[in-house]
Amino acid sequence: MNQHTPHYDDDDEAADAAADARAAALAAAMADAHDTTPASAVTAPHPYAALNPACVLDALESIGLRGDGRLLALNSYENRVYQVGIEDGQPLVAKFYRPGRWSDAAILEEHAFTEELAAREIPVVPALAVHGATLHHHDGFRFAVFARHGGRAPELDAPDVLEWTGRFIARIHAVGAIRPYVHRPALDLASFGTEPCEFLQSHRFIPADLAEAYASIAQQALDGVRRSYDRAGALPQLRLHGDCHGGNVLWTDAGPHFVDFDDSRMGPAIQDLWMMLSGTRAEQVRQMTDILAGYEDFCAFEPRQLHLVEALRTLRLIHYSAWLARRWDDPAFPVAFPWFNTQQYWQDRILELREQVALMDEPPLPI
């Protein structure tokens, strides 16, 4: 085994066998899975137009879960997520996947990963199996149900919280390195940088008087990302959380648990670490030191990955703008993000990318 490849030590062979059996069963289900979302749902300007409270409750009743009328929309834009009161039971969380985004196989692959993690007592929230299935279909929508888990935002300025979080991220990565995704993509320059830039420019989201400036700085930024990847060299790719920021880590007295693996994909381990950083360079050095103090209890960390911190931040900034642009025909987005696609917004993005170009040419964090 490569010394830098995350590993997972588990003395409970029975637990491993059971987890492998579950993974094999889910893999078989994925092999037969297909995206049954109607074409009309995929191409509709507003894919969630038909997802009203009655549809949500009917969907749950279709799998034998009768709601008691209590329905609370939770904070989610890419998908639609609701807390639903259940007759004679605890409230559940129902997640309705955005039509056309993932194939059934890709969703089931994410479910399989969180099942693997939960089987090893890693604190994640897997989709619940109802009638032997975790992904369900109703009236053109695909949905899953989850147990409701409470928690508060982690105190990411506290060394012990960062160390504790680092240990659990390492355990996620150790399992993520066991096998690759087949149906889910990788985090790479093409999908998170080049293609989003081309989308923004070809669909004329950028004001005409700023288009040339944006195109120029975006190209410089992508060149900086390439140089950063060249400096980092070849790195192991593993299944990641993918969107591991403080909002997706809920804290209780028992420690953290990780939610929302919807953006899970293949990529380098540093992707799940850098979003925990904030503040000045000195503060980020301290934070990363604390995270790695816990992380390296379970996984070796290759310091060359630190060359990618600002490169991955740059890709996320570009991808985020394109994500907002792609979803702008969803009525929820103009309401939630009224500052997007204004003159000021694009001026700020140009300045932001200029800062990133400079940061990518600086030495990596000295850990």
Protein backbone atom coordinates (compact mmCIF):
# COMPACT_ATOMS: atom_id res chain seq x y z
CA MET A 1 0.00 0.00 0.00
CA ASN A 2 1.29 3.46 -0.85
CA GLN A 3 2.42 5.19 2.30
CA HIS A 4 0.26 8.18 1.47
CA THR A 5 -2.89 6.20 0.76
CA PRO A 6 -5.45 6.42 3.59
CA HIS A 7 -5.99 3.12 5.35
CA TYR A 8 -8.62 1.78 7.68
CA ASP A 9 -7.88 -0.73 10.42
CA ASP A 10 -10.90 -2.75 11.54
CA ASP A 11 -10.44 -5.81 13.72
CA ASP A 12 -14.10 -6.75 13.47
CA GLU A 13 -14.08 -9.10 10.45
CA ALA A 14 -17.78 -9.82 10.82
CA ALA A 15 -18.60 -6.13 10.55
CA ASP A 16 -16.38 -5.87 7.48
CA ALA A 17 -18.09 -8.84 5.86
CA ALA A 18 -21.53 -7.40 6.56
CA ALA A 19 -20.50 -4.02 5.18
CA ASP A 20 -19.07 -5.66 2.06
CA ALA A 21 -22.28 -7.63 1.58
CA ARG A 22 -24.35 -4.47 1.81
CA ALA A 23 -22.02 -2.70 -0.61
CA ALA A 24 -22.24 -5.62 -3.05
CA ALA A 25 -26.03 -5.61 -2.88
CA LEU A 26 -26.16 -1.89 -3.47
CA ALA A 27 -23.67 -2.18 -6.32
CA ALA A 28 -25.91 -4.78 -7.95
CA ALA A 29 -28.86 -2.44 -7.55
CA MET A 30 -26.85 0.35 -9.15
CA ALA A 31 -25.97 -1.82 -12.10
CA ASP A 32 -29.67 -2.20 -12.84
CA ALA A 33 -30.55 1.39 -11.94
CA HIS A 34 -31.65 3.86 -14.55
CA ASP A 35 -32.80 7.46 -14.49
CA THR A 36 -36.58 7.31 -14.71
CA THR A 37 -37.12 11.06 -14.51
CA PRO A 38 -39.47 12.05 -17.35
CA ALA A 39 -37.89 14.22 -20.02
CA SER A 40 -40.57 16.84 -19.39
CA ALA A 41 -39.43 17.17 -15.76
CA VAL A 42 -35.80 17.59 -16.83
CA THR A 43 -36.50 20.26 -19.42
CA ALA A 44 -39.19 22.19 -17.52
CA PRO A 45 -38.09 25.77 -16.70
CA HIS A 46 -38.95 25.23 -13.06
CA PRO A 47 -38.41 21.56 -12.17
CA TYR A 48 -40.02 21.90 -8.76
CA ALA A 49 -43.21 23.64 -9.92
CA ALA A 50 -45.26 20.51 -9.23
CA LEU A 51 -43.64 19.75 -5.87
CA ASN A 52 -46.29 21.15 -3.57
CA PRO A 53 -47.07 19.97 0.00
CA ALA A 54 -49.67 17.50 -1.25
CA CYS A 55 -47.12 15.95 -3.62
CA VAL A 56 -44.56 15.63 -0.80
CA LEU A 57 -47.05 13.89 1.49
CA ASP A 58 -48.33 11.66 -1.34
CA ALA A 59 -44.75 10.65 -2.15
CA LEU A 60 -44.12 9.59 1.43
CA GLU A 61 -47.44 7.76 1.63
CA SER A 62 -46.49 5.86 -1.54
CA ILE A 63 -43.76 4.11 0.49
CA GLY A 64 -45.96 3.62 3.54
CA LEU A 65 -45.03 6.72 5.54
CA ARG A 66 -48.13 8.66 6.51
CA GLY A 67 -47.48 12.29 7.36
CA ASP A 68 -49.34 14.00 10.19
CA GLY A 69 -49.61 17.33 8.37
CA ARG A 70 -46.51 18.97 9.81
CA LEU A 71 -44.23 20.02 6.96
CA LEU A 72 -41.21 22.32 7.29
CA ALA A 73 -39.08 23.34 4.30
CA LEU A 74 -35.39 23.22 5.21
CA ASN A 75 -32.64 25.40 3.78
CA SER A 76 -31.74 23.86 0.43
CA TYR A 77 -31.65 25.21 -3.11
CA GLU A 78 -30.09 22.53 -5.30
CA ASN A 79 -32.59 19.99 -4.01
CA ARG A 80 -35.77 20.41 -1.98
CA VAL A 81 -35.62 19.13 1.59
CA TYR A 82 -38.44 18.95 4.12
CA GLN A 83 -38.86 17.90 7.71
CA VAL A 84 -42.05 15.87 7.81
CA GLY A 85 -44.05 14.84 10.86
CA ILE A 86 -44.96 11.14 10.75
CA GLU A 87 -48.02 9.57 12.36
CA ASP A 88 -47.00 7.28 15.22
CA GLY A 89 -43.32 7.99 14.62
CA GLN A 90 -40.47 10.45 14.82
CA PRO A 91 -40.24 13.22 12.20
CA LEU A 92 -38.18 12.37 9.13
CA VAL A 93 -36.30 14.43 6.58
CA ALA A 94 -37.37 13.92 2.96
CA LYS A 95 -35.00 14.98 0.18
CA PHE A 96 -36.33 15.45 -3.37
CA TYR A 97 -33.48 15.37 -5.87
CA ARG A 98 -33.30 18.01 -8.57
CA PRO A 99 -34.55 16.37 -11.79
CA GLY A 100 -31.84 15.75 -14.34
CA ARG A 101 -28.83 16.43 -12.12
CA TRP A 102 -27.72 12.93 -11.09
CA SER A 103 -28.59 9.56 -12.56
CA ASP A 104 -30.23 7.01 -10.29
CA ALA A 105 -26.97 5.07 -10.26
CA ALA A 106 -25.01 8.12 -9.07
CA ILE A 107 -27.48 8.76 -6.25
CA LEU A 108 -27.37 5.12 -5.18
CA GLU A 109 -23.59 5.26 -5.24
CA GLU A 110 -23.66 8.14 -2.75
CA HIS A 111 -26.12 6.18 -0.59
CA ALA A 112 -23.79 3.18 -0.69
CA PHE A 113 -20.86 5.30 0.48
CA THR A 114 -22.72 6.69 3.48
CA GLU A 115 -23.91 3.16 4.29
CA GLU A 116 -20.27 2.04 4.34
CA LEU A 117 -19.40 4.90 6.67
CA ALA A 118 -22.32 4.30 9.02
CA ALA A 119 -21.47 0.58 9.19
CA ARG A 120 -18.10 1.59 10.64
CA GLU A 121 -19.74 3.92 13.18
CA ILE A 122 -18.58 7.07 11.43
CA PRO A 123 -21.11 9.81 12.25
CA VAL A 124 -22.94 10.41 8.98
CA VAL A 125 -26.64 10.45 8.14
CA PRO A 126 -27.36 7.72 5.55
CA ALA A 127 -30.57 7.39 3.59
CA LEU A 128 -33.04 5.04 5.26
CA ALA A 129 -33.95 1.82 3.52
CA VAL A 130 -37.75 1.56 3.13
CA HIS A 131 -39.04 -1.69 1.64
CA GLY A 132 -35.42 -2.54 0.82
CA ALA A 133 -34.73 0.63 -1.20
CA THR A 134 -33.14 3.98 -0.39
CA LEU A 135 -34.18 5.79 -3.59
CA HIS A 136 -37.85 6.13 -4.45
CA HIS A 137 -39.86 7.55 -7.36
CA HIS A 138 -43.19 9.38 -7.31
CA ASP A 139 -44.90 11.53 -9.92
CA GLY A 140 -41.69 12.33 -11.79
CA PHE A 141 -39.60 13.03 -8.68
CA ARG A 142 -36.92 10.97 -7.00
CA PHE A 143 -36.61 11.14 -3.23
CA ALA A 144 -34.99 9.61 -0.17
CA VAL A 145 -35.78 9.80 3.52
CA PHE A 146 -33.38 10.31 6.40
CA ALA A 147 -33.53 10.26 10.17
CA ARG A 148 -33.70 13.74 11.66
CA HIS A 149 -30.47 14.75 13.41
CA GLY A 150 -30.07 17.96 15.34
CA GLY A 151 -26.90 19.84 16.12
CA ARG A 152 -25.24 23.21 16.18
CA ALA A 153 -22.55 24.82 14.10
CA PRO A 154 -19.04 23.72 15.09
CA GLU A 155 -16.70 26.22 16.74
CA LEU A 156 -14.05 26.11 14.05
CA ASP A 157 -11.77 28.48 15.93
CA ALA A 158 -11.37 25.95 18.77
CA PRO A 159 -8.30 23.67 18.43
CA ASP A 160 -10.00 20.65 20.00
CA VAL A 161 -12.99 20.97 17.67
CA LEU A 162 -10.71 21.15 14.63
CA GLU A 163 -8.68 18.16 15.80
CA TRP A 164 -11.81 16.12 16.49
CA THR A 165 -13.21 17.06 13.08
CA GLY A 166 -9.92 16.14 11.42
CA ARG A 167 -10.04 12.65 12.92
CA PHE A 168 -13.49 11.97 11.51
CA ILE A 169 -12.64 13.39 8.08
CA ALA A 170 -9.68 11.02 8.03
CA ARG A 171 -11.95 8.10 8.85
CA ILE A 172 -14.27 9.14 5.99
CA HIS A 173 -11.25 9.25 3.67
CA ALA A 174 -9.96 5.89 4.85
CA VAL A 175 -13.23 4.31 3.76
CA GLY A 176 -13.37 6.50 0.65
CA ALA A 177 -10.03 5.07 -0.49
CA ILE A 178 -11.25 1.46 -0.42
CA ARG A 179 -12.95 1.65 -3.83
CA PRO A 180 -13.57 4.38 -6.42
CA TYR A 181 -16.82 5.83 -7.62
CA VAL A 182 -18.00 4.51 -10.96
CA HIS A 183 -21.01 6.72 -11.70
CA ARG A 184 -19.93 9.95 -10.00
CA PRO A 185 -17.48 12.43 -11.55
CA ALA A 186 -14.15 13.72 -10.29
CA LEU A 187 -13.35 17.21 -9.10
CA ASP A 188 -11.08 18.48 -11.87
CA LEU A 189 -10.06 21.56 -13.80
CA ALA A 190 -12.35 20.78 -16.73
CA SER A 191 -15.62 20.34 -14.81
CA PHE A 192 -15.02 22.96 -12.11
CA GLY A 193 -13.08 25.56 -14.10
CA THR A 194 -12.94 25.42 -17.89
CA GLU A 195 -16.53 24.36 -18.59
CA PRO A 196 -18.13 26.75 -16.06
CA CYS A 197 -16.17 29.68 -17.53
CA GLU A 198 -17.29 28.73 -21.02
CA PHE A 199 -20.91 28.46 -19.85
CA LEU A 200 -20.88 31.92 -18.26
CA GLN A 201 -19.38 33.52 -21.34
CA SER A 202 -21.39 31.68 -23.99
CA HIS A 203 -24.68 32.40 -22.20
CA ARG A 204 -23.77 36.08 -21.80
CA PHE A 205 -24.27 36.33 -18.06
CA ILE A 206 -21.34 38.72 -17.75
CA PRO A 207 -22.13 42.36 -18.73
CA ALA A 208 -20.70 43.31 -22.11
CA ASP A 209 -18.43 46.00 -20.68
CA LEU A 210 -16.90 43.47 -18.23
CA ALA A 211 -16.82 40.41 -20.49
CA GLU A 212 -13.28 40.94 -21.79
CA ALA A 213 -11.87 41.65 -18.33
CA TYR A 214 -13.57 38.58 -16.88
CA ALA A 215 -12.39 36.34 -19.73
CA SER A 216 -8.82 37.56 -19.27
CA ILE A 217 -8.65 37.11 -15.49
CA ALA A 218 -10.48 33.80 -15.65
CA GLN A 219 -7.87 32.48 -18.09
CA GLN A 220 -5.09 33.68 -15.80
CA ALA A 221 -6.81 31.96 -12.88
CA LEU A 222 -7.15 28.67 -14.76
CA ASP A 223 -3.46 28.88 -15.73
CA GLY A 224 -2.66 29.37 -12.04
CA VAL A 225 -4.71 26.30 -11.16
CA ARG A 226 -2.75 24.27 -13.71
CA ARG A 227 0.54 25.41 -12.23
CA SER A 228 -0.67 24.52 -8.74
CA TYR A 229 -1.62 21.03 -9.87
CA ASP A 230 1.78 20.66 -11.56
CA ARG A 231 3.54 21.63 -8.31
CA ALA A 232 1.43 19.18 -6.31
CA GLY A 233 2.11 16.31 -8.71
CA ALA A 234 0.13 13.09 -8.90
CA LEU A 235 -2.02 12.50 -5.81
CA PRO A 236 -4.32 9.66 -4.72
CA GLN A 237 -7.97 10.18 -5.68
CA LEU A 238 -10.62 8.99 -3.28
CA ARG A 239 -14.31 9.30 -2.56
CA LEU A 240 -14.85 12.59 -0.73
CA HIS A 241 -17.61 14.35 1.13
CA GLY A 242 -17.03 17.00 -1.53
CA ASP A 243 -18.69 19.96 0.23
CA CYS A 244 -17.20 19.68 3.70
CA HIS A 245 -17.68 23.15 5.17
CA GLY A 246 -18.93 24.12 8.61
CA GLY A 247 -22.55 24.23 7.47
CA ASN A 248 -22.46 20.50 6.67
CA VAL A 249 -20.97 19.54 10.04
CA LEU A 250 -23.44 19.44 12.94
CA TRP A 251 -22.00 19.43 16.44
CA THR A 252 -23.39 17.78 19.55
CA ASP A 253 -21.91 16.86 22.91
CA ALA A 254 -20.87 13.57 21.30
CA GLY A 255 -18.89 15.41 18.62
CA PRO A 256 -19.47 16.09 14.93
CA HIS A 257 -21.66 14.36 12.43
CA PHE A 258 -21.51 14.98 8.72
CA VAL A 259 -24.55 15.65 6.53
CA ASP A 260 -25.33 16.26 2.85
CA PHE A 261 -23.08 14.06 0.71
CA ASP A 262 -24.96 15.25 -2.39
CA ASP A 263 -21.75 16.73 -3.87
CA SER A 264 -19.64 13.67 -3.08
CA ARG A 265 -17.18 12.83 -5.85
CA MET A 266 -13.63 11.65 -6.49
CA GLY A 267 -10.78 14.01 -5.69
CA PRO A 268 -7.74 14.71 -3.49
CA ALA A 269 -8.10 14.57 0.29
CA ILE A 270 -7.31 18.28 0.71
CA GLN A 271 -10.72 19.15 -0.82
CA ASP A 272 -12.42 18.09 2.43
CA LEU A 273 -9.95 20.03 4.59
CA TRP A 274 -9.43 23.47 3.07
CA MET A 275 -13.03 24.63 3.47
CA MET A 276 -12.56 24.46 7.24
CA LEU A 277 -10.02 27.29 6.98
CA SER A 278 -10.75 31.00 7.37
CA GLY A 279 -9.13 34.26 8.35
CA THR A 280 -5.57 35.42 7.85
CA ARG A 281 -2.76 33.23 6.57
CA ALA A 282 -1.42 32.83 10.11
CA GLU A 283 -4.87 31.76 11.33
CA GLN A 284 -5.21 29.26 8.49
CA VAL A 285 -1.80 27.76 9.34
CA ARG A 286 -2.93 27.24 12.94
CA GLN A 287 -6.28 25.79 11.85
CA MET A 288 -4.71 23.36 9.39
CA THR A 289 -2.17 22.30 12.01
CA ASP A 290 -5.00 21.47 14.42
CA ILE A 291 -6.99 19.61 11.74
CA LEU A 292 -3.98 17.53 10.71
CA ALA A 293 -3.18 16.71 14.34
CA GLY A 294 -6.40 14.69 14.32
CA TYR A 295 -6.36 13.65 10.67
CA GLU A 296 -2.99 11.92 10.87
CA ASP A 297 -4.24 9.67 13.68
CA PHE A 298 -5.99 7.71 10.91
CA CYS A 299 -4.49 8.76 7.57
CA ALA A 300 -1.11 9.91 6.35
CA PHE A 301 -1.24 13.37 4.80
CA GLU A 302 0.88 14.23 1.77
CA PRO A 303 2.09 17.86 2.28
CA ARG A 304 2.23 18.38 -1.52
CA GLN A 305 -1.55 18.68 -1.36
CA LEU A 306 -1.17 22.09 0.26
CA HIS A 307 -0.27 23.46 -3.20
CA LEU A 308 -3.93 22.88 -4.09
CA VAL A 309 -5.61 24.91 -1.34
CA GLU A 310 -5.88 28.17 -3.29
CA ALA A 311 -6.32 26.34 -6.60
CA LEU A 312 -9.36 24.47 -5.24
CA ARG A 313 -10.71 27.68 -3.74
CA THR A 314 -10.37 29.32 -7.17
CA LEU A 315 -12.24 26.48 -8.88
CA ARG A 316 -15.00 26.66 -6.29
CA LEU A 317 -15.45 30.40 -6.86
CA ILE A 318 -15.76 29.94 -10.63
CA HIS A 319 -18.02 26.92 -10.28
CA TYR A 320 -20.28 28.74 -7.81
CA SER A 321 -20.98 31.59 -10.24
CA ALA A 322 -21.81 29.10 -12.98
CA TRP A 323 -24.04 27.14 -10.60
CA LEU A 324 -26.08 30.27 -9.86
CA ALA A 325 -26.29 31.01 -13.58
CA ARG A 326 -27.49 27.49 -14.44
CA ARG A 327 -30.22 27.69 -11.79
CA TRP A 328 -31.36 31.23 -12.53
CA ASP A 329 -34.60 29.99 -14.14
CA ASP A 330 -35.58 28.42 -10.80
CA PRO A 331 -37.73 31.09 -9.07
CA ALA A 332 -36.12 30.30 -5.73
CA PHE A 333 -32.75 31.58 -6.90
CA PRO A 334 -33.51 35.25 -7.79
CA VAL A 335 -35.30 35.54 -4.45
CA ALA A 336 -32.45 34.00 -2.45
CA PHE A 337 -29.55 35.53 -4.39
CA PRO A 338 -30.76 38.98 -5.55
CA TRP A 339 -27.18 40.26 -5.75
CA PHE A 340 -26.23 37.76 -8.45
CA ASN A 341 -25.77 38.89 -12.06
CA THR A 342 -25.55 42.56 -11.21
CA GLN A 343 -22.79 44.87 -12.40
CA GLN A 344 -21.37 44.97 -8.87
CA TYR A 345 -21.40 41.19 -8.61
CA TRP A 346 -19.21 40.70 -11.68
CA GLN A 347 -16.89 43.54 -10.72
CA ASP A 348 -16.36 41.82 -7.36
CA ARG A 349 -15.72 38.46 -9.06
CA ILE A 350 -13.04 40.00 -11.28
CA LEU A 351 -11.28 41.45 -8.24
CA GLU A 352 -11.68 38.16 -6.39
CA LEU A 353 -10.04 36.19 -9.19
CA ARG A 354 -7.19 38.70 -9.35
CA GLU A 355 -6.54 38.06 -5.68
CA GLN A 356 -6.64 34.31 -6.28
CA VAL A 357 -4.10 34.56 -9.12
CA ALA A 358 -1.70 36.24 -6.69
CA LEU A 359 -2.41 33.78 -3.87
CA MET A 360 -1.78 30.74 -6.10
CA ASP A 361 1.74 32.03 -6.80
CA GLU A 362 2.55 32.26 -3.07
CA PRO A 363 4.23 29.37 -1.22
CA PRO A 364 1.77 26.85 0.30
CA LEU A 365 0.80 26.96 3.96
CA PRO A 366 3.91 26.03 6.01
CA ILE A 367 2.60 23.00 7.88
